[in-house]
Amino acid sequence: MLKPLQGKPVQHDKQSNGYLLISNATANNLKNVSVSIPQGVLTAITGVAGSGKSSLIFDCFLEQHPKAVVIDQSPIGAMNRGNPATYTGVFDRIRKLFAKETGKNIGYFSFNSKGACEKCKGLGFREIDMHFLSSVTLICSECEGKRYKKDVLTYLYKNKSISDVLEMTISEAIAFFNDSEIIRRLEILKSVGLDYLQLGQSLNTLSGGEAQRVKLASELHKKGNIYVLDEPTTGLHMADIEKLIIILRQLVDNGNTVIVIEHNLDVISQADWIIDLGPEGGRRGGDVVVQGTANEIINCKRSFTGQFLKKVINSSFWGAKRLQNQILDASR
């Protein structure tokens, strides 16, 4: 639980339950670096560009821990056909509900199978090759973007077609369905601030931050894993950064080890442990400047991160208080 105090870094009650060691790392510009990454807490790897952060984690740490889960802002899934419903696995349950209600084969309610519009093959659109110009995407004239054959859309569950359901937002779907497993999985997406997404929204329309939160949502229920995030705040709005911090704390509270390579001071200030590399980049980097709690980092005069972090911590009491309240609400 966060304990924000004016003029002091935000401290956590979270205690490490062991350490993951990196010994004498020499990848790229690293100079025989040895560090201990605490398990079961949130650790931030910090430093200026070129200080050796990525080399330490990706070239050294992940080589020793290949089963660690790496979460970034890269696209997810089969982009044209994937959507939040398929990614979370709720679409299978939804199709079963439709099949049971209507007495029809479950394949009719898949846009990748028997129910798919024959003209667009269940995509909902058609791409027209313009030869020397960029392809043009047009809504399918047969299904009007609904992806299904017209007769399939007459098979209803609670007066809604399968296409109607895919057009629902996650919040609307939570209110619509009575199935506890569907609701549980969708509530996880809601908890990471994605309740406005449509169930059938193509994954290739998600921003990098949205894609990252979908990935994180799929991991929230797991325990005992190691998670590595490489600058997850890139391109995120401040409101999204606050949501990201809440998710990271939830992962830690579930017993996971979370390692974040980060430059964002708001995220760094929430870490249980910080490993600061540098002091500069390139040949003048590659050393451990300081490692410890935020309080230890801000008192290290050699640490550029520490000096900037001190200013943020001293001016962010109310922001930390607001974040504390959000974390408490999310945990209830």
Protein backbone atom coordinates (compact mmCIF):
# COMPACT_ATOMS: atom_id res chain seq x y z
CA MET A 1 0.00 0.00 0.00
CA LEU A 2 1.30 3.47 -0.84
CA LYS A 3 2.23 5.80 1.99
CA PRO A 4 2.75 9.24 0.41
CA LEU A 5 4.32 11.88 2.65
CA GLN A 6 4.90 15.46 1.60
CA GLY A 7 8.54 16.07 0.74
CA LYS A 8 9.40 12.35 0.86
CA PRO A 9 9.38 9.59 -1.74
CA VAL A 10 6.40 7.24 -1.90
CA GLN A 11 7.36 4.16 0.11
CA HIS A 12 5.85 0.68 -0.08
CA ASP A 13 5.42 -2.03 2.52
CA LYS A 14 6.38 -4.62 -0.10
CA GLN A 15 9.31 -6.80 0.96
CA SER A 16 11.51 -8.86 -1.33
CA ASN A 17 11.34 -12.64 -1.06
CA GLY A 18 14.76 -13.27 -2.60
CA TYR A 19 17.01 -11.92 -5.32
CA LEU A 20 17.76 -12.53 -8.99
CA LEU A 21 21.49 -12.02 -9.51
CA ILE A 22 23.36 -10.63 -12.51
CA SER A 23 27.11 -11.05 -12.10
CA ASN A 24 29.97 -9.40 -14.00
CA ALA A 25 27.86 -8.33 -16.99
CA THR A 26 29.95 -7.03 -19.89
CA ALA A 27 27.47 -6.82 -22.80
CA ASN A 28 28.02 -3.76 -24.99
CA ASN A 29 29.20 -0.92 -22.72
CA LEU A 30 28.54 -2.67 -19.37
CA LYS A 31 31.66 -2.72 -17.17
CA ASN A 32 31.54 -5.91 -15.12
CA VAL A 33 28.18 -4.93 -13.67
CA SER A 34 26.80 -7.00 -10.80
CA VAL A 35 23.34 -6.29 -9.41
CA SER A 36 20.70 -8.04 -7.33
CA ILE A 37 17.11 -7.64 -8.56
CA PRO A 38 14.67 -8.27 -5.69
CA GLN A 39 11.89 -10.76 -6.29
CA GLY A 40 8.24 -10.01 -5.67
CA VAL A 41 8.56 -6.23 -5.98
CA LEU A 42 8.55 -3.51 -8.64
CA THR A 43 12.09 -2.66 -9.80
CA ALA A 44 12.90 0.27 -12.10
CA ILE A 45 16.03 0.17 -14.27
CA THR A 46 16.98 3.80 -14.88
CA GLY A 47 19.66 5.99 -16.42
CA VAL A 48 20.27 8.28 -19.36
CA ALA A 49 20.05 7.04 -22.96
CA GLY A 50 22.94 4.72 -23.70
CA SER A 51 23.69 4.04 -20.05
CA GLY A 52 23.30 0.27 -20.47
CA LYS A 53 19.72 -0.33 -19.27
CA SER A 54 18.61 -2.48 -22.20
CA SER A 55 21.94 -4.32 -22.34
CA LEU A 56 21.63 -5.26 -18.68
CA ILE A 57 18.12 -6.65 -19.00
CA PHE A 58 17.80 -7.92 -22.58
CA ASP A 59 21.35 -9.14 -23.17
CA CYS A 60 22.13 -10.41 -19.68
CA PHE A 61 19.09 -10.88 -17.45
CA LEU A 62 16.74 -12.44 -20.02
CA GLU A 63 19.49 -14.78 -21.17
CA GLN A 64 19.52 -16.22 -17.64
CA HIS A 65 15.72 -16.07 -17.29
CA PRO A 66 14.29 -16.95 -20.72
CA LYS A 67 10.83 -17.73 -19.28
CA ALA A 68 10.32 -14.12 -18.18
CA VAL A 69 7.32 -12.47 -19.84
CA VAL A 70 8.31 -9.46 -21.96
CA ILE A 71 5.48 -6.96 -22.47
CA ASP A 72 5.90 -4.12 -24.94
CA GLN A 73 3.75 -1.94 -27.20
CA SER A 74 4.11 -4.14 -30.27
CA PRO A 75 0.92 -5.28 -32.05
CA ILE A 76 -0.90 -8.32 -30.71
CA GLY A 77 -2.53 -11.29 -32.35
CA ALA A 78 -3.83 -11.85 -35.86
CA MET A 79 -4.58 -8.23 -36.50
CA ASN A 80 -7.40 -8.25 -39.07
CA ARG A 81 -9.37 -10.99 -37.34
CA GLY A 82 -8.33 -10.60 -33.71
CA ASN A 83 -10.34 -8.46 -31.30
CA PRO A 84 -10.74 -8.09 -27.52
CA ALA A 85 -13.36 -10.85 -27.49
CA THR A 86 -11.10 -13.38 -29.21
CA TYR A 87 -7.95 -12.30 -27.35
CA THR A 88 -9.53 -12.76 -23.91
CA GLY A 89 -11.23 -16.01 -24.91
CA VAL A 90 -14.75 -14.78 -24.18
CA PHE A 91 -15.83 -15.12 -27.80
CA ASP A 92 -15.87 -18.93 -27.53
CA ARG A 93 -18.24 -18.70 -24.58
CA ILE A 94 -20.41 -16.13 -26.35
CA ARG A 95 -20.72 -18.38 -29.40
CA LYS A 96 -21.71 -21.30 -27.18
CA LEU A 97 -24.46 -19.18 -25.63
CA PHE A 98 -25.80 -18.32 -29.10
CA ALA A 99 -25.63 -21.96 -30.21
CA LYS A 100 -27.48 -23.18 -27.10
CA GLU A 101 -30.15 -20.47 -27.41
CA THR A 102 -30.81 -20.96 -31.13
CA GLY A 103 -30.08 -24.66 -31.55
CA LYS A 104 -27.70 -23.85 -34.41
CA ASN A 105 -24.18 -25.14 -34.97
CA ILE A 106 -21.61 -23.07 -33.07
CA GLY A 107 -19.67 -22.56 -36.30
CA TYR A 108 -22.40 -20.25 -37.60
CA PHE A 109 -21.43 -17.68 -34.98
CA SER A 110 -17.78 -17.48 -36.04
CA PHE A 111 -16.71 -15.01 -38.73
CA ASN A 112 -13.84 -17.41 -39.47
CA SER A 113 -16.08 -20.41 -40.13
CA LYS A 114 -19.56 -21.31 -41.41
CA GLY A 115 -21.17 -18.00 -40.53
CA ALA A 116 -18.67 -15.80 -42.38
CA CYS A 117 -19.86 -13.54 -45.18
CA GLU A 118 -18.80 -15.28 -48.39
CA LYS A 119 -17.89 -12.08 -50.17
CA CYS A 120 -15.43 -10.65 -47.63
CA LYS A 121 -14.60 -13.96 -45.90
CA GLY A 122 -15.64 -12.57 -42.54
CA LEU A 123 -13.40 -9.51 -42.58
CA GLY A 124 -16.19 -6.99 -42.98
CA PHE A 125 -14.25 -5.14 -45.66
CA ARG A 126 -12.50 -5.70 -48.95
CA GLU A 127 -9.13 -4.43 -50.08
CA ILE A 128 -8.93 -3.22 -53.66
CA ASP A 129 -5.47 -3.44 -55.20
CA MET A 130 -4.70 -0.16 -56.99
CA HIS A 131 -1.53 -1.53 -58.56
CA PHE A 132 0.92 1.39 -58.40
CA LEU A 133 -1.07 3.17 -55.68
CA SER A 134 -1.87 2.17 -52.10
CA SER A 135 -4.67 -0.37 -51.69
CA VAL A 136 -8.15 0.98 -50.94
CA THR A 137 -10.22 -0.53 -48.14
CA LEU A 138 -13.99 -0.61 -48.68
CA ILE A 139 -16.80 -1.79 -46.40
CA CYS A 140 -18.16 -5.07 -47.74
CA SER A 141 -21.28 -4.36 -49.79
CA GLU A 142 -22.75 -7.78 -49.02
CA CYS A 143 -22.66 -7.81 -45.19
CA GLU A 144 -22.22 -4.03 -44.72
CA GLY A 145 -19.28 -4.60 -42.42
CA LYS A 146 -21.08 -7.03 -40.12
CA ARG A 147 -18.87 -9.97 -41.17
CA TYR A 148 -21.70 -12.55 -41.16
CA LYS A 149 -24.14 -14.04 -43.63
CA LYS A 150 -27.53 -12.36 -43.47
CA ASP A 151 -29.36 -15.46 -42.24
CA VAL A 152 -26.93 -15.80 -39.31
CA LEU A 153 -27.93 -12.31 -38.14
CA THR A 154 -31.50 -13.55 -37.65
CA TYR A 155 -30.39 -15.95 -34.91
CA LEU A 156 -30.76 -13.98 -31.69
CA TYR A 157 -29.66 -14.24 -28.06
CA LYS A 158 -31.59 -11.94 -25.71
CA ASN A 159 -32.86 -10.11 -28.83
CA LYS A 160 -29.34 -9.39 -30.06
CA SER A 161 -27.52 -10.83 -33.07
CA ILE A 162 -23.91 -11.95 -32.85
CA SER A 163 -22.96 -8.81 -34.77
CA ASP A 164 -24.87 -6.63 -32.29
CA VAL A 165 -22.88 -8.18 -29.46
CA LEU A 166 -19.54 -7.54 -31.18
CA GLU A 167 -20.51 -3.89 -31.54
CA MET A 168 -21.04 -3.59 -27.77
CA THR A 169 -18.45 -1.85 -25.65
CA ILE A 170 -16.88 -3.90 -22.88
CA SER A 171 -18.98 -2.00 -20.31
CA GLU A 172 -22.17 -2.73 -22.25
CA ALA A 173 -21.25 -6.40 -22.58
CA ILE A 174 -20.66 -6.71 -18.81
CA ALA A 175 -24.19 -5.44 -18.22
CA PHE A 176 -25.66 -7.62 -20.98
CA PHE A 177 -24.31 -11.07 -20.12
CA ASN A 178 -25.13 -13.18 -17.08
CA ASP A 179 -22.28 -15.65 -17.63
CA SER A 180 -19.88 -15.28 -14.68
CA GLU A 181 -16.76 -16.25 -16.66
CA ILE A 182 -17.50 -13.78 -19.46
CA ILE A 183 -18.07 -11.04 -16.90
CA ARG A 184 -14.87 -11.94 -14.98
CA ARG A 185 -12.67 -11.71 -18.06
CA LEU A 186 -14.26 -8.49 -19.27
CA GLU A 187 -13.98 -6.95 -15.81
CA ILE A 188 -10.21 -7.41 -16.07
CA LEU A 189 -10.18 -5.30 -19.25
CA LYS A 190 -12.36 -2.75 -17.50
CA SER A 191 -9.92 -2.64 -14.57
CA VAL A 192 -7.13 -1.48 -16.91
CA GLY A 193 -9.29 1.31 -18.32
CA LEU A 194 -10.35 -0.33 -21.59
CA ASP A 195 -14.10 -0.50 -20.94
CA TYR A 196 -14.74 1.78 -23.94
CA LEU A 197 -13.38 -0.71 -26.50
CA GLN A 198 -15.86 -2.66 -28.62
CA LEU A 199 -15.78 -6.43 -28.25
CA GLY A 200 -15.31 -6.84 -31.99
CA GLN A 201 -12.86 -3.96 -32.51
CA SER A 202 -9.94 -5.10 -34.65
CA LEU A 203 -6.70 -5.29 -32.71
CA ASN A 204 -4.89 -3.33 -35.42
CA THR A 205 -6.92 -0.25 -34.47
CA LEU A 206 -5.52 -0.21 -30.91
CA SER A 207 -2.82 2.25 -29.96
CA GLY A 208 0.48 0.95 -28.58
CA GLY A 209 -0.62 1.80 -25.04
CA GLU A 210 -3.98 0.06 -25.48
CA ALA A 211 -2.29 -3.05 -26.89
CA GLN A 212 0.09 -3.09 -23.94
CA ARG A 213 -2.77 -2.84 -21.44
CA VAL A 214 -4.62 -5.70 -23.17
CA LYS A 215 -1.49 -7.83 -22.76
CA LEU A 216 -1.15 -6.82 -19.12
CA ALA A 217 -4.81 -7.58 -18.46
CA SER A 218 -4.29 -11.13 -19.71
CA GLU A 219 -1.51 -11.58 -17.13
CA LEU A 220 -3.10 -10.01 -14.04
CA HIS A 221 -4.49 -13.25 -12.61
CA LYS A 222 -1.15 -15.08 -12.77
CA LYS A 223 1.30 -15.49 -9.88
CA GLY A 224 5.01 -16.15 -9.52
CA ASN A 225 6.04 -14.84 -12.94
CA ILE A 226 8.77 -12.41 -13.91
CA TYR A 227 7.59 -9.51 -16.09
CA VAL A 228 9.85 -7.19 -18.06
CA LEU A 229 8.50 -3.96 -19.55
CA ASP A 230 10.65 -1.80 -21.80
CA GLU A 231 9.72 1.89 -21.42
CA PRO A 232 5.97 1.17 -21.20
CA THR A 233 5.03 4.86 -20.85
CA THR A 234 6.19 5.75 -24.38
CA GLY A 235 3.35 7.63 -26.10
CA LEU A 236 1.00 7.37 -23.11
CA HIS A 237 -1.11 10.22 -21.75
CA MET A 238 -0.66 11.07 -18.05
CA ALA A 239 -4.03 9.49 -17.23
CA ASP A 240 -2.92 6.27 -18.94
CA ILE A 241 0.37 6.33 -17.01
CA GLU A 242 -1.57 6.40 -13.74
CA LYS A 243 -3.59 3.38 -14.91
CA LEU A 244 -0.37 1.63 -15.90
CA ILE A 245 1.12 2.16 -12.43
CA ILE A 246 -2.00 0.67 -10.83
CA ILE A 247 -1.69 -2.40 -13.08
CA LEU A 248 2.00 -2.82 -12.20
CA ARG A 249 1.18 -2.65 -8.49
CA GLN A 250 -1.57 -5.26 -8.99
CA LEU A 251 0.92 -7.59 -10.66
CA VAL A 252 3.27 -7.18 -7.70
CA ASP A 253 0.47 -7.66 -5.18
CA ASN A 254 -0.34 -10.96 -6.91
CA GLY A 255 3.17 -12.22 -6.13
CA ASN A 256 4.94 -11.41 -9.39
CA THR A 257 8.35 -9.82 -9.97
CA VAL A 258 8.06 -6.75 -12.21
CA ILE A 259 11.07 -5.09 -13.88
CA VAL A 260 10.54 -1.84 -15.75
CA ILE A 261 13.14 -0.12 -17.93
CA GLU A 262 11.89 3.41 -17.59
CA HIS A 263 12.67 7.11 -17.84
CA ASN A 264 9.30 8.40 -16.64
CA LEU A 265 9.83 9.86 -13.17
CA ASP A 266 6.25 9.24 -12.02
CA VAL A 267 6.68 5.50 -12.62
CA ILE A 268 10.16 5.49 -11.09
CA SER A 269 8.88 7.19 -7.96
CA GLN A 270 6.44 4.29 -7.43
CA ALA A 271 9.13 1.58 -7.64
CA ASP A 272 10.11 -0.46 -4.59
CA TRP A 273 13.70 -0.71 -5.84
CA ILE A 274 15.71 1.31 -8.34
CA ILE A 275 18.90 0.37 -10.20
CA ASP A 276 20.42 3.48 -11.77
CA LEU A 277 23.03 3.03 -14.51
CA GLY A 278 25.39 5.57 -16.00
CA PRO A 279 26.48 8.05 -15.02
CA GLU A 280 26.32 9.03 -18.69
CA GLY A 281 25.83 7.21 -22.00
CA GLY A 282 28.14 5.22 -24.25
CA ARG A 283 31.71 4.82 -23.03
CA ARG A 284 30.94 7.05 -20.05
CA GLY A 285 28.11 4.78 -18.99
CA GLY A 286 27.83 1.10 -18.20
CA ASP A 287 28.34 1.38 -14.44
CA VAL A 288 25.92 1.09 -11.53
CA VAL A 289 25.66 4.60 -10.13
CA VAL A 290 23.41 3.63 -7.24
CA GLN A 291 20.82 1.03 -6.35
CA GLY A 292 18.28 1.09 -3.59
CA THR A 293 15.00 2.69 -2.57
CA ALA A 294 13.84 6.04 -3.96
CA ASN A 295 15.09 7.71 -0.79
CA GLU A 296 18.58 6.35 -1.39
CA ILE A 297 18.52 7.33 -5.06
CA ILE A 298 17.57 10.98 -4.45
CA ASN A 299 20.42 11.33 -1.95
CA CYS A 300 23.04 10.21 -4.46
CA LYS A 301 24.61 13.33 -5.98
CA ARG A 302 26.19 11.32 -8.83
CA SER A 303 22.79 10.16 -10.05
CA PHE A 304 21.10 12.35 -12.66
CA THR A 305 17.95 10.28 -12.14
CA GLY A 306 18.10 10.92 -8.40
CA GLN A 307 18.39 14.67 -8.75
CA PHE A 308 15.42 14.92 -11.11
CA LEU A 309 13.46 12.39 -9.06
CA LYS A 310 13.90 14.54 -5.96
CA LYS A 311 12.15 17.45 -7.68
CA VAL A 312 9.24 15.26 -8.79
CA ILE A 313 8.78 13.65 -5.39
CA ASN A 314 8.87 16.99 -3.57
CA SER A 315 6.19 18.42 -5.84
CA SER A 316 3.92 15.40 -6.32
CA PHE A 317 2.31 14.83 -2.93
CA TRP A 318 -1.25 15.32 -4.16
CA GLY A 319 -0.61 13.29 -7.31
CA ALA A 320 0.67 10.45 -5.13
CA LYS A 321 -2.33 10.77 -2.84
CA ARG A 322 -4.71 10.53 -5.79
CA LEU A 323 -2.83 7.49 -7.08
CA GLN A 324 -3.03 5.87 -3.66
CA ASN A 325 -6.81 6.26 -3.63
CA GLN A 326 -7.06 4.74 -7.13
CA ILE A 327 -4.99 1.73 -6.10
CA LEU A 328 -7.12 1.23 -2.99
CA ASP A 329 -10.31 1.42 -5.10
CA ALA A 330 -8.90 -1.08 -7.61
CA SER A 331 -8.03 -3.57 -4.86
CA ARG A 332 -11.52 -3.58 -3.29
